[in-house]
PDB file of all heavy atoms in Angstrom:
ATOM      1  N   TYR A   1      81.077 -18.481  -8.135  1.00  0.00           N
ATOM      2  CA  TYR A   1      81.294 -17.128  -7.640  1.00  0.00           C
ATOM      3  C   TYR A   1      80.719 -16.111  -8.619  1.00  0.00           C
ATOM      4  O   TYR A   1      81.443 -15.472  -9.415  1.00  0.00           O
ATOM      5  CB  TYR A   1      82.762 -16.854  -7.371  1.00  0.00           C
ATOM      6  CG  TYR A   1      83.376 -17.760  -6.347  1.00  0.00           C
ATOM      7  CD1 TYR A   1      84.536 -18.499  -6.615  1.00  0.00           C
ATOM      8  CD2 TYR A   1      82.843 -17.869  -5.080  1.00  0.00           C
ATOM      9  CE1 TYR A   1      85.116 -19.333  -5.666  1.00  0.00           C
ATOM     10  CE2 TYR A   1      83.382 -18.700  -4.107  1.00  0.00           C
ATOM     11  CZ  TYR A   1      84.524 -19.427  -4.415  1.00  0.00           C
ATOM     12  OH  TYR A   1      85.092 -20.242  -3.479  1.00  0.00           O
ATOM     13  N   THR A   2      79.404 -15.928  -8.570  1.00  0.00           N
ATOM     14  CA  THR A   2      78.739 -15.045  -9.526  1.00  0.00           C
ATOM     15  C   THR A   2      79.229 -13.600  -9.379  1.00  0.00           C
ATOM     16  O   THR A   2      79.415 -12.882 -10.374  1.00  0.00           O
ATOM     17  CB  THR A   2      77.226 -15.109  -9.378  1.00  0.00           C
ATOM     18  OG1 THR A   2      76.786 -16.424  -9.629  1.00  0.00           O
ATOM     19  CG2 THR A   2      76.548 -14.155 -10.285  1.00  0.00           C
ATOM     20  N   ILE A   3      79.448 -13.161  -8.145  1.00  0.00           N
ATOM     21  CA  ILE A   3      79.903 -11.776  -7.941  1.00  0.00           C
ATOM     22  C   ILE A   3      81.251 -11.547  -8.609  1.00  0.00           C
ATOM     23  O   ILE A   3      81.468 -10.510  -9.241  1.00  0.00           O
ATOM     24  CB  ILE A   3      79.926 -11.412  -6.448  1.00  0.00           C
ATOM     25  CG1 ILE A   3      80.280  -9.921  -6.277  1.00  0.00           C
ATOM     26  CG2 ILE A   3      80.918 -12.281  -5.704  1.00  0.00           C
ATOM     27  CD1 ILE A   3      80.151  -9.439  -4.829  1.00  0.00           C
ATOM     28  N   GLU A   4      82.105 -12.553  -8.503  1.00  0.00           N
ATOM     29  CA  GLU A   4      83.454 -12.449  -9.170  1.00  0.00           C
ATOM     30  C   GLU A   4      83.316 -12.472 -10.676  1.00  0.00           C
ATOM     31  O   GLU A   4      84.035 -11.791 -11.417  1.00  0.00           O
ATOM     32  CB  GLU A   4      84.371 -13.540  -8.694  1.00  0.00           C
ATOM     33  CG  GLU A   4      84.439 -13.736  -7.188  1.00  0.00           C
ATOM     34  CD  GLU A   4      85.055 -12.559  -6.455  1.00  0.00           C
ATOM     35  OE1 GLU A   4      85.400 -11.557  -7.040  1.00  0.00           O
ATOM     36  OE2 GLU A   4      85.130 -12.641  -5.193  1.00  0.00           O
ATOM     37  N   ARG A   5      82.399 -13.283 -11.170  1.00  0.00           N
ATOM     38  CA  ARG A   5      82.152 -13.379 -12.636  1.00  0.00           C
ATOM     39  C   ARG A   5      81.817 -12.000 -13.212  1.00  0.00           C
ATOM     40  O   ARG A   5      82.256 -11.671 -14.320  1.00  0.00           O
ATOM     41  CB  ARG A   5      81.029 -14.360 -12.932  1.00  0.00           C
ATOM     42  CG  ARG A   5      81.302 -15.816 -12.552  1.00  0.00           C
ATOM     43  CD  ARG A   5      80.163 -16.683 -13.081  1.00  0.00           C
ATOM     44  NE  ARG A   5      80.129 -18.026 -12.436  1.00  0.00           N
ATOM     45  CZ  ARG A   5      80.892 -19.036 -12.734  1.00  0.00           C
ATOM     46  NH1 ARG A   5      81.839 -18.907 -13.679  1.00  0.00           N
ATOM     47  NH2 ARG A   5      80.785 -20.208 -12.120  1.00  0.00           N
ATOM     48  N   TYR A   6      81.023 -11.235 -12.453  1.00  0.00           N
ATOM     49  CA  TYR A   6      80.607  -9.926 -12.974  1.00  0.00           C
ATOM     50  C   TYR A   6      81.714  -8.898 -12.851  1.00  0.00           C
ATOM     51  O   TYR A   6      81.676  -7.879 -13.496  1.00  0.00           O
ATOM     52  CB  TYR A   6      79.331  -9.462 -12.289  1.00  0.00           C
ATOM     53  CG  TYR A   6      78.115  -9.959 -13.002  1.00  0.00           C
ATOM     54  CD1 TYR A   6      77.473 -11.173 -12.664  1.00  0.00           C
ATOM     55  CD2 TYR A   6      77.615  -9.318 -14.108  1.00  0.00           C
ATOM     56  CE1 TYR A   6      76.412 -11.665 -13.330  1.00  0.00           C
ATOM     57  CE2 TYR A   6      76.531  -9.785 -14.803  1.00  0.00           C
ATOM     58  CZ  TYR A   6      75.880 -10.970 -14.397  1.00  0.00           C
ATOM     59  OH  TYR A   6      74.806 -11.428 -15.115  1.00  0.00           O
ATOM     60  N   ILE A   7      82.688  -9.152 -11.990  1.00  0.00           N
ATOM     61  CA  ILE A   7      83.830  -8.239 -11.909  1.00  0.00           C
ATOM     62  C   ILE A   7      84.824  -8.545 -13.055  1.00  0.00           C
ATOM     63  O   ILE A   7      85.282  -7.656 -13.793  1.00  0.00           O
ATOM     64  CB  ILE A   7      84.564  -8.335 -10.530  1.00  0.00           C
ATOM     65  CG1 ILE A   7      83.635  -7.861  -9.440  1.00  0.00           C
ATOM     66  CG2 ILE A   7      85.854  -7.501 -10.546  1.00  0.00           C
ATOM     67  CD1 ILE A   7      84.210  -8.015  -8.042  1.00  0.00           C
ATOM     68  N   HIS A   8      85.128  -9.852 -13.198  1.00  0.00           N
ATOM     69  CA  HIS A   8      86.082 -10.250 -14.197  1.00  0.00           C
ATOM     70  C   HIS A   8      86.032 -11.775 -14.353  1.00  0.00           C
ATOM     71  O   HIS A   8      86.217 -12.501 -13.416  1.00  0.00           O
ATOM     72  CB  HIS A   8      87.498  -9.822 -13.779  1.00  0.00           C
ATOM     73  CG  HIS A   8      88.572 -10.177 -14.811  1.00  0.00           C
ATOM     74  ND1 HIS A   8      88.710  -9.429 -15.990  1.00  0.00           N
ATOM     75  CD2 HIS A   8      89.473 -11.167 -14.848  1.00  0.00           C
ATOM     76  CE1 HIS A   8      89.694  -9.943 -16.666  1.00  0.00           C
ATOM     77  NE2 HIS A   8      90.160 -10.984 -16.029  1.00  0.00           N
ATOM     78  N   GLY A   9      85.789 -12.224 -15.591  1.00  0.00           N
ATOM     79  CA  GLY A   9      85.840 -13.640 -15.906  1.00  0.00           C
ATOM     80  C   GLY A   9      84.526 -14.397 -15.809  1.00  0.00           C
ATOM     81  O   GLY A   9      84.379 -15.285 -15.000  1.00  0.00           O
ATOM     82  N   MET A  10      83.541 -13.960 -16.626  1.00  0.00           N
ATOM     83  CA  MET A  10      82.224 -14.627 -16.591  1.00  0.00           C
ATOM     84  C   MET A  10      82.331 -16.115 -16.771  1.00  0.00           C
ATOM     85  O   MET A  10      81.644 -16.896 -16.114  1.00  0.00           O
ATOM     86  CB  MET A  10      81.292 -13.986 -17.609  1.00  0.00           C
ATOM     87  CG  MET A  10      79.877 -14.579 -17.605  1.00  0.00           C
ATOM     88  SD  MET A  10      79.036 -14.392 -16.013  1.00  0.00           S
ATOM     89  CE  MET A  10      78.710 -12.606 -16.016  1.00  0.00           C
ATOM     90  N   GLU A  11      83.224 -16.547 -17.664  1.00  0.00           N
ATOM     91  CA  GLU A  11      83.375 -17.979 -17.947  1.00  0.00           C
ATOM     92  C   GLU A  11      84.737 -18.522 -17.445  1.00  0.00           C
ATOM     93  O   GLU A  11      85.141 -19.617 -17.751  1.00  0.00           O
ATOM     94  CB  GLU A  11      83.233 -18.290 -19.423  1.00  0.00           C
ATOM     95  CG  GLU A  11      81.908 -17.857 -20.027  1.00  0.00           C
ATOM     96  CD  GLU A  11      80.727 -18.631 -19.391  1.00  0.00           C
ATOM     97  OE1 GLU A  11      80.941 -19.768 -18.934  1.00  0.00           O
ATOM     98  OE2 GLU A  11      79.615 -18.055 -19.378  1.00  0.00           O
ATOM     99  N   ALA A  12      85.463 -17.709 -16.602  1.00  0.00           N
ATOM    100  CA  ALA A  12      86.782 -18.106 -16.178  1.00  0.00           C
ATOM    101  C   ALA A  12      86.723 -19.318 -15.266  1.00  0.00           C
ATOM    102  O   ALA A  12      85.870 -19.417 -14.375  1.00  0.00           O
ATOM    103  CB  ALA A  12      87.441 -16.942 -15.481  1.00  0.00           C
ATOM    104  N   TYR A  13      87.664 -20.246 -15.406  1.00  0.00           N
ATOM    105  CA  TYR A  13      87.717 -21.453 -14.642  1.00  0.00           C
ATOM    106  C   TYR A  13      87.849 -21.201 -13.143  1.00  0.00           C
ATOM    107  O   TYR A  13      87.368 -21.928 -12.310  1.00  0.00           O
ATOM    108  CB  TYR A  13      88.876 -22.323 -15.108  1.00  0.00           C
ATOM    109  CG  TYR A  13      90.232 -21.694 -14.941  1.00  0.00           C
ATOM    110  CD1 TYR A  13      90.954 -21.847 -13.775  1.00  0.00           C
ATOM    111  CD2 TYR A  13      90.789 -20.925 -15.974  1.00  0.00           C
ATOM    112  CE1 TYR A  13      92.195 -21.240 -13.611  1.00  0.00           C
ATOM    113  CE2 TYR A  13      92.012 -20.292 -15.793  1.00  0.00           C
ATOM    114  CZ  TYR A  13      92.722 -20.453 -14.619  1.00  0.00           C
ATOM    115  OH  TYR A  13      93.924 -19.838 -14.452  1.00  0.00           O
ATOM    116  N   TYR A  14      88.530 -20.069 -12.812  1.00  0.00           N
ATOM    117  CA  TYR A  14      88.799 -19.834 -11.403  1.00  0.00           C
ATOM    118  C   TYR A  14      87.574 -19.314 -10.630  1.00  0.00           C
ATOM    119  O   TYR A  14      87.592 -19.200  -9.410  1.00  0.00           O
ATOM    120  CB  TYR A  14      89.973 -18.790 -11.198  1.00  0.00           C
ATOM    121  CG  TYR A  14      89.917 -17.624 -12.077  1.00  0.00           C
ATOM    122  CD1 TYR A  14      89.041 -16.596 -11.890  1.00  0.00           C
ATOM    123  CD2 TYR A  14      90.796 -17.533 -13.195  1.00  0.00           C
ATOM    124  CE1 TYR A  14      89.020 -15.451 -12.738  1.00  0.00           C
ATOM    125  CE2 TYR A  14      90.790 -16.438 -14.036  1.00  0.00           C
ATOM    126  CZ  TYR A  14      89.907 -15.397 -13.798  1.00  0.00           C
ATOM    127  OH  TYR A  14      89.874 -14.299 -14.586  1.00  0.00           O
ATOM    128  N   ASN A  15      86.507 -19.014 -11.344  1.00  0.00           N
ATOM    129  CA  ASN A  15      85.261 -18.646 -10.654  1.00  0.00           C
ATOM    130  C   ASN A  15      84.262 -19.830 -10.530  1.00  0.00           C
ATOM    131  O   ASN A  15      83.154 -19.631 -10.109  1.00  0.00           O
ATOM    132  CB  ASN A  15      84.588 -17.495 -11.460  1.00  0.00           C
ATOM    133  CG  ASN A  15      85.339 -16.188 -11.256  1.00  0.00           C
ATOM    134  OD1 ASN A  15      85.929 -15.939 -10.204  1.00  0.00           O
ATOM    135  ND2 ASN A  15      85.325 -15.328 -12.295  1.00  0.00           N
ATOM    136  N   ASP A  16      84.721 -20.988 -10.936  1.00  0.00           N
ATOM    137  CA  ASP A  16      83.933 -22.219 -10.813  1.00  0.00           C
ATOM    138  C   ASP A  16      84.168 -22.860  -9.467  1.00  0.00           C
ATOM    139  O   ASP A  16      85.256 -22.693  -8.867  1.00  0.00           O
ATOM    140  CB  ASP A  16      84.260 -23.207 -11.922  1.00  0.00           C
ATOM    141  CG  ASP A  16      83.882 -22.711 -13.304  1.00  0.00           C
ATOM    142  OD1 ASP A  16      82.951 -21.875 -13.398  1.00  0.00           O
ATOM    143  OD2 ASP A  16      84.505 -23.149 -14.314  1.00  0.00           O
ATOM    144  N   ILE A  17      83.219 -23.617  -8.975  1.00  0.00           N
ATOM    145  CA  ILE A  17      83.408 -24.383  -7.758  1.00  0.00           C
ATOM    146  C   ILE A  17      82.858 -25.828  -7.993  1.00  0.00           C
ATOM    147  O   ILE A  17      82.117 -26.032  -8.921  1.00  0.00           O
ATOM    148  CB  ILE A  17      82.654 -23.766  -6.524  1.00  0.00           C
ATOM    149  CG1 ILE A  17      81.180 -23.724  -6.793  1.00  0.00           C
ATOM    150  CG2 ILE A  17      83.193 -22.396  -6.207  1.00  0.00           C
ATOM    151  CD1 ILE A  17      80.354 -23.276  -5.587  1.00  0.00           C
ATOM    152  N   GLN A  18      83.296 -26.740  -7.129  1.00  0.00           N
ATOM    153  CA  GLN A  18      82.830 -28.112  -7.197  1.00  0.00           C
ATOM    154  C   GLN A  18      81.349 -28.175  -6.774  1.00  0.00           C
ATOM    155  O   GLN A  18      80.980 -27.646  -5.724  1.00  0.00           O
ATOM    156  CB  GLN A  18      83.665 -29.018  -6.269  1.00  0.00           C
ATOM    157  CG  GLN A  18      83.129 -30.406  -6.120  1.00  0.00           C
ATOM    158  CD  GLN A  18      83.281 -31.247  -7.408  1.00  0.00           C
ATOM    159  OE1 GLN A  18      83.938 -30.864  -8.338  1.00  0.00           O
ATOM    160  NE2 GLN A  18      82.593 -32.382  -7.400  1.00  0.00           N
ATOM    161  N   PRO A  19      80.491 -28.763  -7.622  1.00  0.00           N
ATOM    162  CA  PRO A  19      79.060 -28.854  -7.218  1.00  0.00           C
ATOM    163  C   PRO A  19      78.939 -29.883  -6.073  1.00  0.00           C
ATOM    164  O   PRO A  19      79.445 -31.012  -6.188  1.00  0.00           O
ATOM    165  CB  PRO A  19      78.388 -29.362  -8.493  1.00  0.00           C
ATOM    166  CG  PRO A  19      79.438 -29.994  -9.322  1.00  0.00           C
ATOM    167  CD  PRO A  19      80.728 -29.278  -9.015  1.00  0.00           C
ATOM    168  N   TRP A  20      78.281 -29.466  -5.018  1.00  0.00           N
ATOM    169  CA  TRP A  20      78.059 -30.350  -3.850  1.00  0.00           C
ATOM    170  C   TRP A  20      76.600 -30.785  -3.832  1.00  0.00           C
ATOM    171  O   TRP A  20      75.721 -30.119  -4.343  1.00  0.00           O
ATOM    172  CB  TRP A  20      78.344 -29.613  -2.541  1.00  0.00           C
ATOM    173  CG  TRP A  20      79.763 -29.389  -2.246  1.00  0.00           C
ATOM    174  CD1 TRP A  20      80.887 -29.628  -3.039  1.00  0.00           C
ATOM    175  CD2 TRP A  20      80.300 -28.844  -0.985  1.00  0.00           C
ATOM    176  NE1 TRP A  20      82.045 -29.290  -2.378  1.00  0.00           N
ATOM    177  CE2 TRP A  20      81.721 -28.793  -1.150  1.00  0.00           C
ATOM    178  CE3 TRP A  20      79.746 -28.394   0.183  1.00  0.00           C
ATOM    179  CZ2 TRP A  20      82.534 -28.347  -0.107  1.00  0.00           C
ATOM    180  CZ3 TRP A  20      80.574 -27.931   1.197  1.00  0.00           C
ATOM    181  CH2 TRP A  20      81.938 -27.922   1.054  1.00  0.00           C
ATOM    182  N   ARG A  21      76.364 -31.882  -3.086  1.00  0.00           N
ATOM    183  CA  ARG A  21      75.007 -32.301  -2.772  1.00  0.00           C
ATOM    184  C   ARG A  21      74.655 -31.661  -1.384  1.00  0.00           C
ATOM    185  O   ARG A  21      74.695 -32.289  -0.364  1.00  0.00           O
ATOM    186  CB  ARG A  21      74.884 -33.826  -2.726  1.00  0.00           C
ATOM    187  CG  ARG A  21      75.146 -34.478  -4.064  1.00  0.00           C
ATOM    188  CD  ARG A  21      74.765 -35.959  -4.057  1.00  0.00           C
ATOM    189  NE  ARG A  21      75.613 -36.730  -3.183  1.00  0.00           N
ATOM    190  CZ  ARG A  21      76.780 -37.272  -3.521  1.00  0.00           C
ATOM    191  NH1 ARG A  21      77.239 -37.136  -4.772  1.00  0.00           N
ATOM    192  NH2 ARG A  21      77.484 -37.995  -2.638  1.00  0.00           N
ATOM    193  N   TYR A  22      74.326 -30.360  -1.442  1.00  0.00           N
ATOM    194  CA  TYR A  22      74.252 -29.557  -0.270  1.00  0.00           C
ATOM    195  C   TYR A  22      73.185 -30.077   0.707  1.00  0.00           C
ATOM    196  O   TYR A  22      73.420 -30.041   1.937  1.00  0.00           O
ATOM    197  CB  TYR A  22      73.866 -28.107  -0.676  1.00  0.00           C
ATOM    198  CG  TYR A  22      74.961 -27.409  -1.477  1.00  0.00           C
ATOM    199  CD1 TYR A  22      74.833 -27.290  -2.834  1.00  0.00           C
ATOM    200  CD2 TYR A  22      76.082 -26.891  -0.858  1.00  0.00           C
ATOM    201  CE1 TYR A  22      75.847 -26.696  -3.598  1.00  0.00           C
ATOM    202  CE2 TYR A  22      77.100 -26.290  -1.577  1.00  0.00           C
ATOM    203  CZ  TYR A  22      76.960 -26.206  -2.960  1.00  0.00           C
ATOM    204  OH  TYR A  22      77.961 -25.581  -3.700  1.00  0.00           O
ATOM    205  N   LEU A  23      72.083 -30.557   0.150  1.00  0.00           N
ATOM    206  CA  LEU A  23      70.985 -30.965   1.071  1.00  0.00           C
ATOM    207  C   LEU A  23      71.245 -32.246   1.799  1.00  0.00           C
ATOM    208  O   LEU A  23      70.486 -32.652   2.716  1.00  0.00           O
ATOM    209  CB  LEU A  23      69.666 -31.065   0.292  1.00  0.00           C
ATOM    210  CG  LEU A  23      69.189 -29.691  -0.340  1.00  0.00           C
ATOM    211  CD1 LEU A  23      67.826 -29.894  -0.976  1.00  0.00           C
ATOM    212  CD2 LEU A  23      69.202 -28.596   0.732  1.00  0.00           C
ATOM    213  N   GLU A  24      72.329 -32.934   1.478  1.00  0.00           N
ATOM    214  CA  GLU A  24      72.715 -34.146   2.222  1.00  0.00           C
ATOM    215  C   GLU A  24      73.630 -33.795   3.404  1.00  0.00           C
ATOM    216  O   GLU A  24      73.889 -34.662   4.245  1.00  0.00           O
ATOM    217  CB  GLU A  24      73.452 -35.136   1.305  1.00  0.00           C
ATOM    218  CG  GLU A  24      72.556 -35.677   0.172  1.00  0.00           C
ATOM    219  CD  GLU A  24      73.272 -36.664  -0.732  1.00  0.00           C
ATOM    220  OE1 GLU A  24      74.306 -37.222  -0.257  1.00  0.00           O
ATOM    221  OE2 GLU A  24      72.878 -36.825  -1.867  1.00  0.00           O
ATOM    222  N   SER A  25      74.103 -32.551   3.420  1.00  0.00           N
ATOM    223  CA  SER A  25      75.072 -32.224   4.463  1.00  0.00           C
ATOM    224  C   SER A  25      74.575 -32.322   5.951  1.00  0.00           C
ATOM    225  O   SER A  25      75.361 -32.687   6.800  1.00  0.00           O
ATOM    226  CB  SER A  25      75.651 -30.792   4.220  1.00  0.00           C
ATOM    227  OG  SER A  25      74.630 -29.820   4.141  1.00  0.00           O
ATOM    228  N   PRO A  26      73.301 -31.984   6.257  1.00  0.00           N
ATOM    229  CA  PRO A  26      72.891 -32.159   7.635  1.00  0.00           C
ATOM    230  C   PRO A  26      73.106 -33.569   8.137  1.00  0.00           C
ATOM    231  O   PRO A  26      73.479 -33.772   9.310  1.00  0.00           O
ATOM    232  CB  PRO A  26      71.424 -31.767   7.586  1.00  0.00           C
ATOM    233  CG  PRO A  26      71.279 -30.842   6.429  1.00  0.00           C
ATOM    234  CD  PRO A  26      72.262 -31.374   5.399  1.00  0.00           C
ATOM    235  N   TRP A  27      72.861 -34.562   7.324  1.00  0.00           N
ATOM    236  CA  TRP A  27      72.957 -35.963   7.760  1.00  0.00           C
ATOM    237  C   TRP A  27      74.437 -36.320   7.895  1.00  0.00           C
ATOM    238  O   TRP A  27      74.816 -37.054   8.845  1.00  0.00           O
ATOM    239  CB  TRP A  27      72.227 -36.862   6.744  1.00  0.00           C
ATOM    240  CG  TRP A  27      70.986 -36.286   6.212  1.00  0.00           C
ATOM    241  CD1 TRP A  27      70.681 -35.994   4.920  1.00  0.00           C
ATOM    242  CD2 TRP A  27      69.872 -35.828   6.989  1.00  0.00           C
ATOM    243  NE1 TRP A  27      69.440 -35.419   4.840  1.00  0.00           N
ATOM    244  CE2 TRP A  27      68.919 -35.278   6.100  1.00  0.00           C
ATOM    245  CE3 TRP A  27      69.570 -35.786   8.350  1.00  0.00           C
ATOM    246  CZ2 TRP A  27      67.729 -34.773   6.505  1.00  0.00           C
ATOM    247  CZ3 TRP A  27      68.369 -35.266   8.754  1.00  0.00           C
ATOM    248  CH2 TRP A  27      67.429 -34.765   7.841  1.00  0.00           C
ATOM    249  N   TYR A  28      75.273 -35.814   7.039  1.00  0.00           N
ATOM    250  CA  TYR A  28      76.678 -36.103   7.184  1.00  0.00           C
ATOM    251  C   TYR A  28      77.211 -35.513   8.514  1.00  0.00           C
ATOM    252  O   TYR A  28      78.082 -36.119   9.150  1.00  0.00           O
ATOM    253  CB  TYR A  28      77.486 -35.494   5.989  1.00  0.00           C
ATOM    254  CG  TYR A  28      78.962 -35.596   6.160  1.00  0.00           C
ATOM    255  CD1 TYR A  28      79.637 -36.760   5.853  1.00  0.00           C
ATOM    256  CD2 TYR A  28      79.733 -34.528   6.655  1.00  0.00           C
ATOM    257  CE1 TYR A  28      81.014 -36.912   6.012  1.00  0.00           C
ATOM    258  CE2 TYR A  28      81.088 -34.637   6.814  1.00  0.00           C
ATOM    259  CZ  TYR A  28      81.727 -35.816   6.494  1.00  0.00           C
ATOM    260  OH  TYR A  28      83.091 -35.946   6.700  1.00  0.00           O
ATOM    261  N   PHE A  29      76.701 -34.355   8.833  1.00  0.00           N
ATOM    262  CA  PHE A  29      77.151 -33.680  10.053  1.00  0.00           C
ATOM    263  C   PHE A  29      76.443 -34.148  11.295  1.00  0.00           C
ATOM    264  O   PHE A  29      76.550 -33.499  12.380  1.00  0.00           O
ATOM    265  CB  PHE A  29      77.117 -32.167   9.952  1.00  0.00           C
ATOM    266  CG  PHE A  29      78.140 -31.583   9.036  1.00  0.00           C
ATOM    267  CD1 PHE A  29      77.830 -30.909   7.877  1.00  0.00           C
ATOM    268  CD2 PHE A  29      79.497 -31.679   9.370  1.00  0.00           C
ATOM    269  CE1 PHE A  29      78.794 -30.347   7.048  1.00  0.00           C
ATOM    270  CE2 PHE A  29      80.479 -31.175   8.559  1.00  0.00           C
ATOM    271  CZ  PHE A  29      80.143 -30.504   7.411  1.00  0.00           C
ATOM    272  N   GLY A  30      75.703 -35.232  11.223  1.00  0.00           N
ATOM    273  CA  GLY A  30      75.199 -35.873  12.436  1.00  0.00           C
ATOM    274  C   GLY A  30      73.771 -35.622  12.782  1.00  0.00           C
ATOM    275  O   GLY A  30      73.319 -36.061  13.857  1.00  0.00           O
ATOM    276  N   ALA A  31      72.984 -34.956  11.961  1.00  0.00           N
ATOM    277  CA  ALA A  31      71.571 -34.736  12.276  1.00  0.00           C
ATOM    278  C   ALA A  31      70.823 -36.096  12.230  1.00  0.00           C
ATOM    279  O   ALA A  31      71.183 -36.982  11.414  1.00  0.00           O
ATOM    280  CB  ALA A  31      70.917 -33.764  11.278  1.00  0.00           C
ATOM    281  N   ARG A  32      69.800 -36.256  13.011  1.00  0.00           N
ATOM    282  CA  ARG A  32      69.031 -37.490  13.046  1.00  0.00           C
ATOM    283  C   ARG A  32      67.689 -37.271  12.342  1.00  0.00           C
ATOM    284  O   ARG A  32      67.001 -36.268  12.548  1.00  0.00           O
ATOM    285  CB  ARG A  32      68.760 -37.912  14.474  1.00  0.00           C
ATOM    286  CG  ARG A  32      70.001 -38.445  15.177  1.00  0.00           C
ATOM    287  CD  ARG A  32      69.756 -38.639  16.663  1.00  0.00           C
ATOM    288  NE  ARG A  32      68.412 -39.192  16.937  1.00  0.00           N
ATOM    289  CZ  ARG A  32      67.835 -39.141  18.133  1.00  0.00           C
ATOM    290  NH1 ARG A  32      68.456 -38.552  19.154  1.00  0.00           N
ATOM    291  NH2 ARG A  32      66.645 -39.653  18.302  1.00  0.00           N
ATOM    292  N   LYS A  33      67.344 -38.210  11.489  1.00  0.00           N
ATOM    293  CA  LYS A  33      66.133 -38.055  10.689  1.00  0.00           C
ATOM    294  C   LYS A  33      64.908 -38.317  11.511  1.00  0.00           C
ATOM    295  O   LYS A  33      63.782 -37.976  11.151  1.00  0.00           O
ATOM    296  CB  LYS A  33      66.174 -38.960   9.472  1.00  0.00           C
ATOM    297  CG  LYS A  33      67.243 -38.607   8.495  1.00  0.00           C
ATOM    298  CD  LYS A  33      67.154 -39.393   7.178  1.00  0.00           C
ATOM    299  CE  LYS A  33      68.218 -38.943   6.178  1.00  0.00           C
ATOM    300  NZ  LYS A  33      68.090 -39.660   4.879  1.00  0.00           N
ATOM    301  N   ASP A  34      65.041 -38.949  12.650  1.00  0.00           N
ATOM    302  CA  ASP A  34      63.899 -39.333  13.496  1.00  0.00           C
ATOM    303  C   ASP A  34      63.798 -38.455  14.748  1.00  0.00           C
ATOM    304  O   ASP A  34      63.144 -38.862  15.741  1.00  0.00           O
ATOM    305  CB  ASP A  34      63.957 -40.814  13.864  1.00  0.00           C
ATOM    306  CG  ASP A  34      65.240 -41.140  14.632  1.00  0.00           C
ATOM    307  OD1 ASP A  34      66.156 -40.287  14.700  1.00  0.00           O
ATOM    308  OD2 ASP A  34      65.319 -42.269  15.208  1.00  0.00           O
ATOM    309  N   ASP A  35      64.467 -37.354  14.772  1.00  0.00           N
ATOM    310  CA  ASP A  35      64.529 -36.487  15.974  1.00  0.00           C
ATOM    311  C   ASP A  35      63.314 -35.527  15.962  1.00  0.00           C
ATOM    312  O   ASP A  35      63.384 -34.506  15.259  1.00  0.00           O
ATOM    313  CB  ASP A  35      65.850 -35.714  16.013  1.00  0.00           C
ATOM    314  CG  ASP A  35      66.093 -35.051  17.363  1.00  0.00           C
ATOM    315  OD1 ASP A  35      65.097 -34.843  18.085  1.00  0.00           O
ATOM    316  OD2 ASP A  35      67.264 -34.744  17.687  1.00  0.00           O
TER     317      ASP A  35
END
C-alpha cells in the first residue's frame, strides 16, 4: 500500500501485503490457454 506508506508508515508492517504470482491468476480462474 504505497499510498498509505506516504501518509504514515513507510516501512510499517501493516502496509505490507503478501506477494502473489499475479500472472498465474487467469489460469486459476479457469481461462484456457488454447482458446
